[in-house]
Amino acid sequence: MKTILMAGVILLLAGCGGVHKARQARGPVAELGPVPVSFGPISKACMRSGREARTRRLCGCVQAVADKTLTNRQQSRAVKFYANPHLAQEIRQSDRPSDERFWRVYTAYGQQAERICG
């Protein structure tokens, strides 16, 4: 049940908001207060998600965490959850070793994103 909730938290991160003071940008990652911001496939999916409270800042934070914790391939896989949340449930319940490895990494990413961006 906890992993189902974690998947929900990941998807809900796109719907949360926050207020942080901006710092000067460094390279591809700009920092807003203690919250990093980056732009990539997850931030784009987050912004397209249609969740009312999504912000560039939040979606960028979720992407920055993904950049540090997920490979490009894992990010591409996670992007699909925005359009099809049921897919996350299928992967979570899968017995395939590759799905189990992905799910462990993905839930760790979700916990870190919640802690940093939430």
PDB file of N, CA and C in Angstrom:
ATOM      1  N   MET A   1       0.825  -1.195   0.000  1.00  0.00           N
ATOM      2  CA  MET A   1       0.000   0.000   0.000  1.00  0.00           C
ATOM      3  C   MET A   1       0.866   1.256   0.000  1.00  0.00           C
ATOM      4  N   LYS A   2       2.001   1.199   0.736  1.00  0.00           N
ATOM      5  CA  LYS A   2       2.873   2.361   0.802  1.00  0.00           C
ATOM      6  C   LYS A   2       3.427   2.717  -0.567  1.00  0.00           C
ATOM      7  N   THR A   3       3.764   1.705  -1.363  1.00  0.00           N
ATOM      8  CA  THR A   3       4.303   1.997  -2.688  1.00  0.00           C
ATOM      9  C   THR A   3       3.245   2.596  -3.608  1.00  0.00           C
ATOM     10  N   ILE A   4       2.009   2.202  -3.426  1.00  0.00           N
ATOM     11  CA  ILE A   4       0.933   2.809  -4.207  1.00  0.00           C
ATOM     12  C   ILE A   4       0.813   4.282  -3.827  1.00  0.00           C
ATOM     13  N   LEU A   5       0.876   4.549  -2.545  1.00  0.00           N
ATOM     14  CA  LEU A   5       0.815   5.932  -2.088  1.00  0.00           C
ATOM     15  C   LEU A   5       1.998   6.732  -2.596  1.00  0.00           C
ATOM     16  N   MET A   6       3.182   6.103  -2.645  1.00  0.00           N
ATOM     17  CA  MET A   6       4.361   6.798  -3.144  1.00  0.00           C
ATOM     18  C   MET A   6       4.180   7.177  -4.608  1.00  0.00           C
ATOM     19  N   ALA A   7       3.620   6.273  -5.400  1.00  0.00           N
ATOM     20  CA  ALA A   7       3.355   6.592  -6.802  1.00  0.00           C
ATOM     21  C   ALA A   7       2.396   7.769  -6.894  1.00  0.00           C
ATOM     22  N   GLY A   8       1.400   7.775  -6.024  1.00  0.00           N
ATOM     23  CA  GLY A   8       0.465   8.892  -5.989  1.00  0.00           C
ATOM     24  C   GLY A   8       1.140  10.188  -5.604  1.00  0.00           C
ATOM     25  N   VAL A   9       2.074  10.109  -4.663  1.00  0.00           N
ATOM     26  CA  VAL A   9       2.808  11.300  -4.229  1.00  0.00           C
ATOM     27  C   VAL A   9       3.595  11.874  -5.393  1.00  0.00           C
ATOM     28  N   ILE A  10       4.239  11.001  -6.153  1.00  0.00           N
ATOM     29  CA  ILE A  10       5.004  11.456  -7.312  1.00  0.00           C
ATOM     30  C   ILE A  10       4.097  12.207  -8.273  1.00  0.00           C
ATOM     31  N   LEU A  11       2.964  11.611  -8.554  1.00  0.00           N
ATOM     32  CA  LEU A  11       2.041  12.246  -9.491  1.00  0.00           C
ATOM     33  C   LEU A  11       1.440  13.517  -8.913  1.00  0.00           C
ATOM     34  N   LEU A  12       1.243  13.538  -7.600  1.00  0.00           N
ATOM     35  CA  LEU A  12       0.681  14.724  -6.976  1.00  0.00           C
ATOM     36  C   LEU A  12       1.678  15.859  -6.850  1.00  0.00           C
ATOM     37  N   LEU A  13       2.972  15.535  -6.891  1.00  0.00           N
ATOM     38  CA  LEU A  13       3.976  16.592  -6.814  1.00  0.00           C
ATOM     39  C   LEU A  13       3.749  17.626  -7.913  1.00  0.00           C
ATOM     40  N   ALA A  14       3.248  17.175  -9.037  1.00  0.00           N
ATOM     41  CA  ALA A  14       2.974  18.101 -10.125  1.00  0.00           C
ATOM     42  C   ALA A  14       1.828  19.039  -9.790  1.00  0.00           C
ATOM     43  N   GLY A  15       1.046  18.693  -8.802  1.00  0.00           N
ATOM     44  CA  GLY A  15      -0.100  19.512  -8.439  1.00  0.00           C
ATOM     45  C   GLY A  15       0.123  20.396  -7.227  1.00  0.00           C
ATOM     46  N   CYS A  16       1.296  20.319  -6.625  1.00  0.00           N
ATOM     47  CA  CYS A  16       1.581  21.119  -5.434  1.00  0.00           C
ATOM     48  C   CYS A  16       2.230  22.425  -5.843  1.00  0.00           C
ATOM     49  N   GLY A  17       2.299  23.329  -4.942  1.00  0.00           N
ATOM     50  CA  GLY A  17       2.976  24.593  -5.198  1.00  0.00           C
ATOM     51  C   GLY A  17       3.886  24.929  -4.059  1.00  0.00           C
ATOM     52  N   GLY A  18       4.686  25.931  -4.236  1.00  0.00           N
ATOM     53  CA  GLY A  18       5.590  26.349  -3.180  1.00  0.00           C
ATOM     54  C   GLY A  18       6.146  27.705  -3.521  1.00  0.00           C
ATOM     55  N   VAL A  19       6.659  28.393  -2.531  1.00  0.00           N
ATOM     56  CA  VAL A  19       7.220  29.708  -2.743  1.00  0.00           C
ATOM     57  C   VAL A  19       8.657  29.676  -2.254  1.00  0.00           C
ATOM     58  N   HIS A  20       9.577  29.991  -3.132  1.00  0.00           N
ATOM     59  CA  HIS A  20      10.989  30.011  -2.803  1.00  0.00           C
ATOM     60  C   HIS A  20      11.604  31.237  -3.451  1.00  0.00           C
ATOM     61  N   LYS A  21      12.588  31.859  -2.791  1.00  0.00           N
ATOM     62  CA  LYS A  21      13.266  33.013  -3.367  1.00  0.00           C
ATOM     63  C   LYS A  21      14.322  32.537  -4.348  1.00  0.00           C
ATOM     64  N   ALA A  22      14.425  33.249  -5.459  1.00  0.00           N
ATOM     65  CA  ALA A  22      15.335  32.844  -6.524  1.00  0.00           C
ATOM     66  C   ALA A  22      16.781  33.175  -6.180  1.00  0.00           C
ATOM     67  N   ARG A  23      17.679  32.302  -6.617  1.00  0.00           N
ATOM     68  CA  ARG A  23      19.112  32.534  -6.584  1.00  0.00           C
ATOM     69  C   ARG A  23      19.605  32.596  -8.022  1.00  0.00           C
ATOM     70  N   GLN A  24      20.824  32.976  -8.190  1.00  0.00           N
ATOM     71  CA  GLN A  24      21.396  33.059  -9.521  1.00  0.00           C
ATOM     72  C   GLN A  24      21.514  31.664 -10.130  1.00  0.00           C
ATOM     73  N   ALA A  25      21.196  31.547 -11.416  1.00  0.00           N
ATOM     74  CA  ALA A  25      21.245  30.254 -12.110  1.00  0.00           C
ATOM     75  C   ALA A  25      22.689  29.829 -12.343  1.00  0.00           C
ATOM     76  N   ARG A  26      22.916  28.517 -12.282  1.00  0.00           N
ATOM     77  CA  ARG A  26      24.229  27.936 -12.577  1.00  0.00           C
ATOM     78  C   ARG A  26      24.019  26.838 -13.600  1.00  0.00           C
ATOM     79  N   GLY A  27      24.573  26.974 -14.773  1.00  0.00           N
ATOM     80  CA  GLY A  27      24.474  25.938 -15.794  1.00  0.00           C
ATOM     81  C   GLY A  27      23.028  25.616 -16.117  1.00  0.00           C
ATOM     82  N   PRO A  28      22.724  24.318 -16.390  1.00  0.00           N
ATOM     83  CA  PRO A  28      21.369  23.943 -16.767  1.00  0.00           C
ATOM     84  C   PRO A  28      20.418  23.861 -15.587  1.00  0.00           C
ATOM     85  N   VAL A  29      20.956  23.942 -14.365  1.00  0.00           N
ATOM     86  CA  VAL A  29      20.113  23.840 -13.179  1.00  0.00           C
ATOM     87  C   VAL A  29      20.122  25.174 -12.460  1.00  0.00           C
ATOM     88  N   ALA A  30      18.963  25.793 -12.334  1.00  0.00           N
ATOM     89  CA  ALA A  30      18.835  27.026 -11.574  1.00  0.00           C
ATOM     90  C   ALA A  30      18.366  26.649 -10.180  1.00  0.00           C
ATOM     91  N   GLU A  31      18.857  27.351  -9.173  1.00  0.00           N
ATOM     92  CA  GLU A  31      18.419  27.043  -7.817  1.00  0.00           C
ATOM     93  C   GLU A  31      17.490  28.133  -7.326  1.00  0.00           C
ATOM     94  N   LEU A  32      16.401  27.732  -6.744  1.00  0.00           N
ATOM     95  CA  LEU A  32      15.434  28.639  -6.155  1.00  0.00           C
ATOM     96  C   LEU A  32      15.428  28.345  -4.669  1.00  0.00           C
ATOM     97  N   GLY A  33      16.100  29.197  -3.903  1.00  0.00           N
ATOM     98  CA  GLY A  33      16.270  28.892  -2.500  1.00  0.00           C
ATOM     99  C   GLY A  33      16.982  27.559  -2.418  1.00  0.00           C
ATOM    100  N   PRO A  34      16.569  26.702  -1.510  1.00  0.00           N
ATOM    101  CA  PRO A  34      17.210  25.402  -1.403  1.00  0.00           C
ATOM    102  C   PRO A  34      16.673  24.399  -2.421  1.00  0.00           C
ATOM    103  N   VAL A  35      15.769  24.834  -3.275  1.00  0.00           N
ATOM    104  CA  VAL A  35      15.112  23.918  -4.208  1.00  0.00           C
ATOM    105  C   VAL A  35      15.742  24.049  -5.591  1.00  0.00           C
ATOM    106  N   PRO A  36      16.361  22.967  -6.100  1.00  0.00           N
ATOM    107  CA  PRO A  36      16.947  23.014  -7.436  1.00  0.00           C
ATOM    108  C   PRO A  36      15.858  22.966  -8.506  1.00  0.00           C
ATOM    109  N   VAL A  37      16.161  23.507  -9.669  1.00  0.00           N
ATOM    110  CA  VAL A  37      15.217  23.482 -10.781  1.00  0.00           C
ATOM    111  C   VAL A  37      15.975  23.090 -12.048  1.00  0.00           C
ATOM    112  N   SER A  38      15.389  22.195 -12.813  1.00  0.00           N
ATOM    113  CA  SER A  38      15.968  21.765 -14.073  1.00  0.00           C
ATOM    114  C   SER A  38      14.821  21.558 -15.060  1.00  0.00           C
ATOM    115  N   PHE A  39      15.167  21.406 -16.323  1.00  0.00           N
ATOM    116  CA  PHE A  39      14.144  21.224 -17.341  1.00  0.00           C
ATOM    117  C   PHE A  39      14.483  19.996 -18.176  1.00  0.00           C
ATOM    118  N   GLY A  40      13.495  19.143 -18.402  1.00  0.00           N
ATOM    119  CA  GLY A  40      13.701  17.915 -19.144  1.00  0.00           C
ATOM    120  C   GLY A  40      12.388  17.190 -19.328  1.00  0.00           C
ATOM    121  N   PRO A  41      12.432  15.903 -19.619  1.00  0.00           N
ATOM    122  CA  PRO A  41      11.207  15.169 -19.949  1.00  0.00           C
ATOM    123  C   PRO A  41      10.191  15.096 -18.809  1.00  0.00           C
ATOM    124  N   ILE A  42      10.648  14.965 -17.589  1.00  0.00           N
ATOM    125  CA  ILE A  42       9.705  14.884 -16.468  1.00  0.00           C
ATOM    126  C   ILE A  42       9.073  16.239 -16.207  1.00  0.00           C
ATOM    127  N   SER A  43       9.866  17.312 -16.263  1.00  0.00           N
ATOM    128  CA  SER A  43       9.276  18.640 -16.041  1.00  0.00           C
ATOM    129  C   SER A  43       8.268  18.977 -17.143  1.00  0.00           C
ATOM    130  N   LYS A  44       8.558  18.560 -18.377  1.00  0.00           N
ATOM    131  CA  LYS A  44       7.615  18.806 -19.477  1.00  0.00           C
ATOM    132  C   LYS A  44       6.319  18.027 -19.268  1.00  0.00           C
ATOM    133  N   ALA A  45       6.435  16.766 -18.876  1.00  0.00           N
ATOM    134  CA  ALA A  45       5.237  15.955 -18.623  1.00  0.00           C
ATOM    135  C   ALA A  45       4.454  16.532 -17.449  1.00  0.00           C
ATOM    136  N   CYS A  46       5.162  16.990 -16.450  1.00  0.00           N
ATOM    137  CA  CYS A  46       4.522  17.611 -15.283  1.00  0.00           C
ATOM    138  C   CYS A  46       3.719  18.847 -15.701  1.00  0.00           C
ATOM    139  N   MET A  47       4.321  19.696 -16.518  1.00  0.00           N
ATOM    140  CA  MET A  47       3.638  20.914 -16.958  1.00  0.00           C
ATOM    141  C   MET A  47       2.441  20.601 -17.855  1.00  0.00           C
ATOM    142  N   ARG A  48       2.517  19.530 -18.632  1.00  0.00           N
ATOM    143  CA  ARG A  48       1.406  19.142 -19.505  1.00  0.00           C
ATOM    144  C   ARG A  48       0.341  18.347 -18.764  1.00  0.00           C
ATOM    145  N   SER A  49       0.586  18.028 -17.503  1.00  0.00           N
ATOM    146  CA  SER A  49      -0.302  17.122 -16.773  1.00  0.00           C
ATOM    147  C   SER A  49      -1.700  17.676 -16.551  1.00  0.00           C
ATOM    148  N   GLY A  50      -1.873  18.976 -16.636  1.00  0.00           N
ATOM    149  CA  GLY A  50      -3.195  19.552 -16.452  1.00  0.00           C
ATOM    150  C   GLY A  50      -3.582  19.749 -14.994  1.00  0.00           C
ATOM    151  N   ARG A  51      -2.709  19.412 -14.075  1.00  0.00           N
ATOM    152  CA  ARG A  51      -3.024  19.623 -12.657  1.00  0.00           C
ATOM    153  C   ARG A  51      -3.036  21.121 -12.378  1.00  0.00           C
ATOM    154  N   GLU A  52      -4.065  21.570 -11.746  1.00  0.00           N
ATOM    155  CA  GLU A  52      -4.310  22.994 -11.575  1.00  0.00           C
ATOM    156  C   GLU A  52      -3.178  23.742 -10.864  1.00  0.00           C
ATOM    157  N   ALA A  53      -2.614  23.156  -9.838  1.00  0.00           N
ATOM    158  CA  ALA A  53      -1.623  23.864  -9.031  1.00  0.00           C
ATOM    159  C   ALA A  53      -0.185  23.649  -9.489  1.00  0.00           C
ATOM    160  N   ARG A  54       0.020  23.051 -10.659  1.00  0.00           N
ATOM    161  CA  ARG A  54       1.393  22.821 -11.116  1.00  0.00           C
ATOM    162  C   ARG A  54       2.064  24.160 -11.394  1.00  0.00           C
ATOM    163  N   THR A  55       3.355  24.197 -11.166  1.00  0.00           N
ATOM    164  CA  THR A  55       4.143  25.395 -11.447  1.00  0.00           C
ATOM    165  C   THR A  55       5.434  24.977 -12.128  1.00  0.00           C
ATOM    166  N   ARG A  56       6.034  25.896 -12.845  1.00  0.00           N
ATOM    167  CA  ARG A  56       7.327  25.612 -13.466  1.00  0.00           C
ATOM    168  C   ARG A  56       8.350  25.288 -12.389  1.00  0.00           C
ATOM    169  N   ARG A  57       8.257  25.986 -11.285  1.00  0.00           N
ATOM    170  CA  ARG A  57       9.202  25.792 -10.188  1.00  0.00           C
ATOM    171  C   ARG A  57       9.094  24.377  -9.630  1.00  0.00           C
ATOM    172  N   LEU A  58       7.888  23.919  -9.375  1.00  0.00           N
ATOM    173  CA  LEU A  58       7.709  22.578  -8.821  1.00  0.00           C
ATOM    174  C   LEU A  58       8.107  21.523  -9.842  1.00  0.00           C
ATOM    175  N   CYS A  59       7.620  21.660 -11.058  1.00  0.00           N
ATOM    176  CA  CYS A  59       7.942  20.675 -12.092  1.00  0.00           C
ATOM    177  C   CYS A  59       9.449  20.653 -12.355  1.00  0.00           C
ATOM    178  N   GLY A  60      10.077  21.815 -12.310  1.00  0.00           N
ATOM    179  CA  GLY A  60      11.526  21.890 -12.481  1.00  0.00           C
ATOM    180  C   GLY A  60      12.274  21.243 -11.329  1.00  0.00           C
ATOM    181  N   CYS A  61      11.735  21.357 -10.137  1.00  0.00           N
ATOM    182  CA  CYS A  61      12.352  20.716  -8.977  1.00  0.00           C
ATOM    183  C   CYS A  61      12.270  19.197  -9.103  1.00  0.00           C
ATOM    184  N   VAL A  62      11.100  18.700  -9.469  1.00  0.00           N
ATOM    185  CA  VAL A  62      10.919  17.262  -9.644  1.00  0.00           C
ATOM    186  C   VAL A  62      11.898  16.751 -10.712  1.00  0.00           C
ATOM    187  N   GLN A  63      12.103  17.535 -11.773  1.00  0.00           N
ATOM    188  CA  GLN A  63      13.061  17.162 -12.819  1.00  0.00           C
ATOM    189  C   GLN A  63      14.485  17.163 -12.284  1.00  0.00           C
ATOM    190  N   ALA A  64      14.844  18.171 -11.490  1.00  0.00           N
ATOM    191  CA  ALA A  64      16.198  18.246 -10.945  1.00  0.00           C
ATOM    192  C   ALA A  64      16.508  17.034 -10.076  1.00  0.00           C
ATOM    193  N   VAL A  65      15.540  16.607  -9.292  1.00  0.00           N
ATOM    194  CA  VAL A  65      15.729  15.409  -8.466  1.00  0.00           C
ATOM    195  C   VAL A  65      15.871  14.187  -9.374  1.00  0.00           C
ATOM    196  N   ALA A  66      15.067  14.128 -10.414  1.00  0.00           N
ATOM    197  CA  ALA A  66      15.159  13.008 -11.359  1.00  0.00           C
ATOM    198  C   ALA A  66      16.532  12.982 -12.025  1.00  0.00           C
ATOM    199  N   ASP A  67      17.061  14.148 -12.361  1.00  0.00           N
ATOM    200  CA  ASP A  67      18.381  14.217 -12.993  1.00  0.00           C
ATOM    201  C   ASP A  67      19.467  13.622 -12.095  1.00  0.00           C
ATOM    202  N   LYS A  68      19.276  13.741 -10.791  1.00  0.00           N
ATOM    203  CA  LYS A  68      20.274  13.231  -9.844  1.00  0.00           C
ATOM    204  C   LYS A  68      20.045  11.771  -9.464  1.00  0.00           C
ATOM    205  N   THR A  69      18.844  11.255  -9.670  1.00  0.00           N
ATOM    206  CA  THR A  69      18.540   9.915  -9.160  1.00  0.00           C
ATOM    207  C   THR A  69      18.134   8.909 -10.229  1.00  0.00           C
ATOM    208  N   LEU A  70      17.694   9.354 -11.392  1.00  0.00           N
ATOM    209  CA  LEU A  70      17.227   8.450 -12.440  1.00  0.00           C
ATOM    210  C   LEU A  70      18.077   8.612 -13.694  1.00  0.00           C
ATOM    211  N   THR A  71      18.313   7.504 -14.381  1.00  0.00           N
ATOM    212  CA  THR A  71      18.987   7.575 -15.671  1.00  0.00           C
ATOM    213  C   THR A  71      18.021   8.160 -16.701  1.00  0.00           C
ATOM    214  N   ASN A  72      18.529   8.504 -17.862  1.00  0.00           N
ATOM    215  CA  ASN A  72      17.654   9.009 -18.932  1.00  0.00           C
ATOM    216  C   ASN A  72      16.581   7.978 -19.284  1.00  0.00           C
ATOM    217  N   ARG A  73      16.976   6.726 -19.332  1.00  0.00           N
ATOM    218  CA  ARG A  73      16.024   5.662 -19.661  1.00  0.00           C
ATOM    219  C   ARG A  73      14.945   5.547 -18.585  1.00  0.00           C
ATOM    220  N   GLN A  74      15.338   5.626 -17.323  1.00  0.00           N
ATOM    221  CA  GLN A  74      14.366   5.567 -16.229  1.00  0.00           C
ATOM    222  C   GLN A  74      13.440   6.770 -16.262  1.00  0.00           C
ATOM    223  N   GLN A  75      13.970   7.940 -16.599  1.00  0.00           N
ATOM    224  CA  GLN A  75      13.121   9.129 -16.717  1.00  0.00           C
ATOM    225  C   GLN A  75      12.094   8.946 -17.826  1.00  0.00           C
ATOM    226  N   SER A  76      12.516   8.401 -18.947  1.00  0.00           N
ATOM    227  CA  SER A  76      11.580   8.162 -20.058  1.00  0.00           C
ATOM    228  C   SER A  76      10.464   7.219 -19.629  1.00  0.00           C
ATOM    229  N   ARG A  77      10.821   6.252 -18.840  1.00  0.00           N
ATOM    230  CA  ARG A  77       9.819   5.305 -18.341  1.00  0.00           C
ATOM    231  C   ARG A  77       8.876   5.996 -17.363  1.00  0.00           C
ATOM    232  N   ALA A  78       9.407   6.820 -16.489  1.00  0.00           N
ATOM    233  CA  ALA A  78       8.594   7.511 -15.491  1.00  0.00           C
ATOM    234  C   ALA A  78       7.654   8.540 -16.126  1.00  0.00           C
ATOM    235  N   VAL A  79       8.067   9.148 -17.224  1.00  0.00           N
ATOM    236  CA  VAL A  79       7.229  10.139 -17.919  1.00  0.00           C
ATOM    237  C   VAL A  79       5.889   9.523 -18.315  1.00  0.00           C
ATOM    238  N   LYS A  80       5.906   8.257 -18.644  1.00  0.00           N
ATOM    239  CA  LYS A  80       4.681   7.580 -19.079  1.00  0.00           C
ATOM    240  C   LYS A  80       3.639   7.517 -17.967  1.00  0.00           C
ATOM    241  N   PHE A  81       4.063   7.620 -16.714  1.00  0.00           N
ATOM    242  CA  PHE A  81       3.124   7.571 -15.589  1.00  0.00           C
ATOM    243  C   PHE A  81       2.201   8.790 -15.568  1.00  0.00           C
ATOM    244  N   TYR A  82       2.665   9.912 -16.096  1.00  0.00           N
ATOM    245  CA  TYR A  82       1.830  11.114 -16.118  1.00  0.00           C
ATOM    246  C   TYR A  82       0.611  10.915 -17.009  1.00  0.00           C
ATOM    247  N   ALA A  83       0.817  10.258 -18.137  1.00  0.00           N
ATOM    248  CA  ALA A  83      -0.292  10.018 -19.062  1.00  0.00           C
ATOM    249  C   ALA A  83      -1.091   8.778 -18.680  1.00  0.00           C
ATOM    250  N   ASN A  84      -0.446   7.821 -18.009  1.00  0.00           N
ATOM    251  CA  ASN A  84      -1.101   6.560 -17.690  1.00  0.00           C
ATOM    252  C   ASN A  84      -0.702   6.121 -16.269  1.00  0.00           C
ATOM    253  N   PRO A  85      -1.326   6.684 -15.233  1.00  0.00           N
ATOM    254  CA  PRO A  85      -0.966   6.336 -13.855  1.00  0.00           C
ATOM    255  C   PRO A  85      -1.108   4.843 -13.554  1.00  0.00           C
ATOM    256  N   HIS A  86      -1.993   4.152 -14.260  1.00  0.00           N
ATOM    257  CA  HIS A  86      -2.166   2.719 -14.031  1.00  0.00           C
ATOM    258  C   HIS A  86      -0.900   1.936 -14.383  1.00  0.00           C
ATOM    259  N   LEU A  87      -0.115   2.457 -15.302  1.00  0.00           N
ATOM    260  CA  LEU A  87       1.133   1.811 -15.682  1.00  0.00           C
ATOM    261  C   LEU A  87       2.069   1.688 -14.479  1.00  0.00           C
ATOM    262  N   ALA A  88       2.069   2.680 -13.614  1.00  0.00           N
ATOM    263  CA  ALA A  88       2.897   2.606 -12.405  1.00  0.00           C
ATOM    264  C   ALA A  88       2.478   1.424 -11.547  1.00  0.00           C
ATOM    265  N   GLN A  89       1.198   1.214 -11.428  1.00  0.00           N
ATOM    266  CA  GLN A  89       0.684   0.082 -10.647  1.00  0.00           C
ATOM    267  C   GLN A  89       1.101  -1.244 -11.285  1.00  0.00           C
ATOM    268  N   GLU A  90       1.040  -1.322 -12.596  1.00  0.00           N
ATOM    269  CA  GLU A  90       1.437  -2.549 -13.287  1.00  0.00           C
ATOM    270  C   GLU A  90       2.913  -2.863 -13.055  1.00  0.00           C
ATOM    271  N   ILE A  91       3.746  -1.843 -13.127  1.00  0.00           N
ATOM    272  CA  ILE A  91       5.178  -2.047 -12.911  1.00  0.00           C
ATOM    273  C   ILE A  91       5.444  -2.417 -11.453  1.00  0.00           C
ATOM    274  N   ARG A  92       4.758  -1.771 -10.532  1.00  0.00           N
ATOM    275  CA  ARG A  92       4.939  -2.067  -9.117  1.00  0.00           C
ATOM    276  C   ARG A  92       4.599  -3.523  -8.812  1.00  0.00           C
ATOM    277  N   GLN A  93       3.589  -4.056  -9.447  1.00  0.00           N
ATOM    278  CA  GLN A  93       3.138  -5.423  -9.182  1.00  0.00           C
ATOM    279  C   GLN A  93       3.854  -6.473 -10.032  1.00  0.00           C
ATOM    280  N   SER A  94       4.658  -6.047 -10.977  1.00  0.00           N
ATOM    281  CA  SER A  94       5.338  -6.973 -11.879  1.00  0.00           C
ATOM    282  C   SER A  94       6.343  -7.844 -11.124  1.00  0.00           C
ATOM    283  N   ASP A  95       6.518  -9.060 -11.602  1.00  0.00           N
ATOM    284  CA  ASP A  95       7.507  -9.975 -11.038  1.00  0.00           C
ATOM    285  C   ASP A  95       8.827  -9.948 -11.817  1.00  0.00           C
ATOM    286  N   ARG A  96       8.875  -9.171 -12.861  1.00  0.00           N
ATOM    287  CA  ARG A  96      10.105  -9.093 -13.658  1.00  0.00           C
ATOM    288  C   ARG A  96      11.201  -8.402 -12.849  1.00  0.00           C
ATOM    289  N   PRO A  97      12.394  -8.970 -12.783  1.00  0.00           N
ATOM    290  CA  PRO A  97      13.492  -8.364 -12.022  1.00  0.00           C
ATOM    291  C   PRO A  97      13.799  -6.927 -12.461  1.00  0.00           C
ATOM    292  N   SER A  98      13.723  -6.650 -13.758  1.00  0.00           N
ATOM    293  CA  SER A  98      14.006  -5.290 -14.232  1.00  0.00           C
ATOM    294  C   SER A  98      12.959  -4.304 -13.731  1.00  0.00           C
ATOM    295  N   ASP A  99      11.690  -4.729 -13.678  1.00  0.00           N
ATOM    296  CA  ASP A  99      10.635  -3.864 -13.137  1.00  0.00           C
ATOM    297  C   ASP A  99      10.822  -3.648 -11.642  1.00  0.00           C
ATOM    298  N   GLU A 100      11.229  -4.696 -10.937  1.00  0.00           N
ATOM    299  CA  GLU A 100      11.460  -4.575  -9.494  1.00  0.00           C
ATOM    300  C   GLU A 100      12.609  -3.612  -9.206  1.00  0.00           C
ATOM    301  N   ARG A 101      13.690  -3.699  -9.992  1.00  0.00           N
ATOM    302  CA  ARG A 101      14.819  -2.773  -9.818  1.00  0.00           C
ATOM    303  C   ARG A 101      14.377  -1.344 -10.109  1.00  0.00           C
ATOM    304  N   PHE A 102      13.650  -1.173 -11.224  1.00  0.00           N
ATOM    305  CA  PHE A 102      13.169   0.162 -11.568  1.00  0.00           C
ATOM    306  C   PHE A 102      12.284   0.718 -10.453  1.00  0.00           C
ATOM    307  N   TRP A 103      11.392  -0.095  -9.924  1.00  0.00           N
ATOM    308  CA  TRP A 103      10.463   0.389  -8.909  1.00  0.00           C
ATOM    309  C   TRP A 103      11.195   0.830  -7.641  1.00  0.00           C
ATOM    310  N   ARG A 104      12.245   0.098  -7.249  1.00  0.00           N
ATOM    311  CA  ARG A 104      13.029   0.501  -6.072  1.00  0.00           C
ATOM    312  C   ARG A 104      13.666   1.870  -6.298  1.00  0.00           C
ATOM    313  N   VAL A 105      14.258   2.067  -7.463  1.00  0.00           N
ATOM    314  CA  VAL A 105      14.895   3.351  -7.782  1.00  0.00           C
ATOM    315  C   VAL A 105      13.844   4.454  -7.871  1.00  0.00           C
ATOM    316  N   TYR A 106      12.726   4.134  -8.492  1.00  0.00           N
ATOM    317  CA  TYR A 106      11.656   5.118  -8.684  1.00  0.00           C
ATOM    318  C   TYR A 106      11.055   5.568  -7.348  1.00  0.00           C
ATOM    319  N   THR A 107      10.832   4.634  -6.435  1.00  0.00           N
ATOM    320  CA  THR A 107      10.268   5.026  -5.137  1.00  0.00           C
ATOM    321  C   THR A 107      11.278   5.845  -4.328  1.00  0.00           C
ATOM    322  N   ALA A 108      12.565   5.517  -4.441  1.00  0.00           N
ATOM    323  CA  ALA A 108      13.588   6.333  -3.769  1.00  0.00           C
ATOM    324  C   ALA A 108      13.581   7.745  -4.352  1.00  0.00           C
ATOM    325  N   TYR A 109      13.439   7.839  -5.662  1.00  0.00           N
ATOM    326  CA  TYR A 109      13.318   9.143  -6.320  1.00  0.00           C
ATOM    327  C   TYR A 109      12.095   9.904  -5.787  1.00  0.00           C
ATOM    328  N   GLY A 110      10.988   9.230  -5.682  1.00  0.00           N
ATOM    329  CA  GLY A 110       9.763   9.871  -5.190  1.00  0.00           C
ATOM    330  C   GLY A 110       9.922  10.386  -3.776  1.00  0.00           C
ATOM    331  N   GLN A 111      10.560   9.622  -2.927  1.00  0.00           N
ATOM    332  CA  GLN A 111      10.775  10.056  -1.538  1.00  0.00           C
ATOM    333  C   GLN A 111      11.670  11.284  -1.505  1.00  0.00           C
ATOM    334  N   GLN A 112      12.728  11.263  -2.321  1.00  0.00           N
ATOM    335  CA  GLN A 112      13.626  12.412  -2.343  1.00  0.00           C
ATOM    336  C   GLN A 112      12.940  13.644  -2.931  1.00  0.00           C
ATOM    337  N   ALA A 113      12.174  13.458  -3.984  1.00  0.00           N
ATOM    338  CA  ALA A 113      11.450  14.589  -4.595  1.00  0.00           C
ATOM    339  C   ALA A 113      10.459  15.181  -3.604  1.00  0.00           C
ATOM    340  N   GLU A 114       9.780  14.329  -2.862  1.00  0.00           N
ATOM    341  CA  GLU A 114       8.831  14.813  -1.862  1.00  0.00           C
ATOM    342  C   GLU A 114       9.553  15.632  -0.786  1.00  0.00           C
ATOM    343  N   ARG A 115      10.703  15.134  -0.357  1.00  0.00           N
ATOM    344  CA  ARG A 115      11.454  15.812   0.691  1.00  0.00           C
ATOM    345  C   ARG A 115      12.006  17.163   0.210  1.00  0.00           C
ATOM    346  N   ILE A 116      12.514  17.207  -1.014  1.00  0.00           N
ATOM    347  CA  ILE A 116      13.141  18.414  -1.522  1.00  0.00           C
ATOM    348  C   ILE A 116      12.134  19.402  -2.101  1.00  0.00           C
ATOM    349  N   CYS A 117      11.155  18.902  -2.835  1.00  0.00           N
ATOM    350  CA  CYS A 117      10.234  19.778  -3.586  1.00  0.00           C
ATOM    351  C   CYS A 117       8.907  20.026  -2.877  1.00  0.00           C
ATOM    352  N   GLY A 118       8.516  19.087  -2.021  1.00  0.00           N
ATOM    353  CA  GLY A 118       7.195  19.149  -1.413  1.00  0.00           C
ATOM    354  C   GLY A 118       7.104  20.146  -0.353  1.00  0.00           C
TER     355      GLY A 118
END
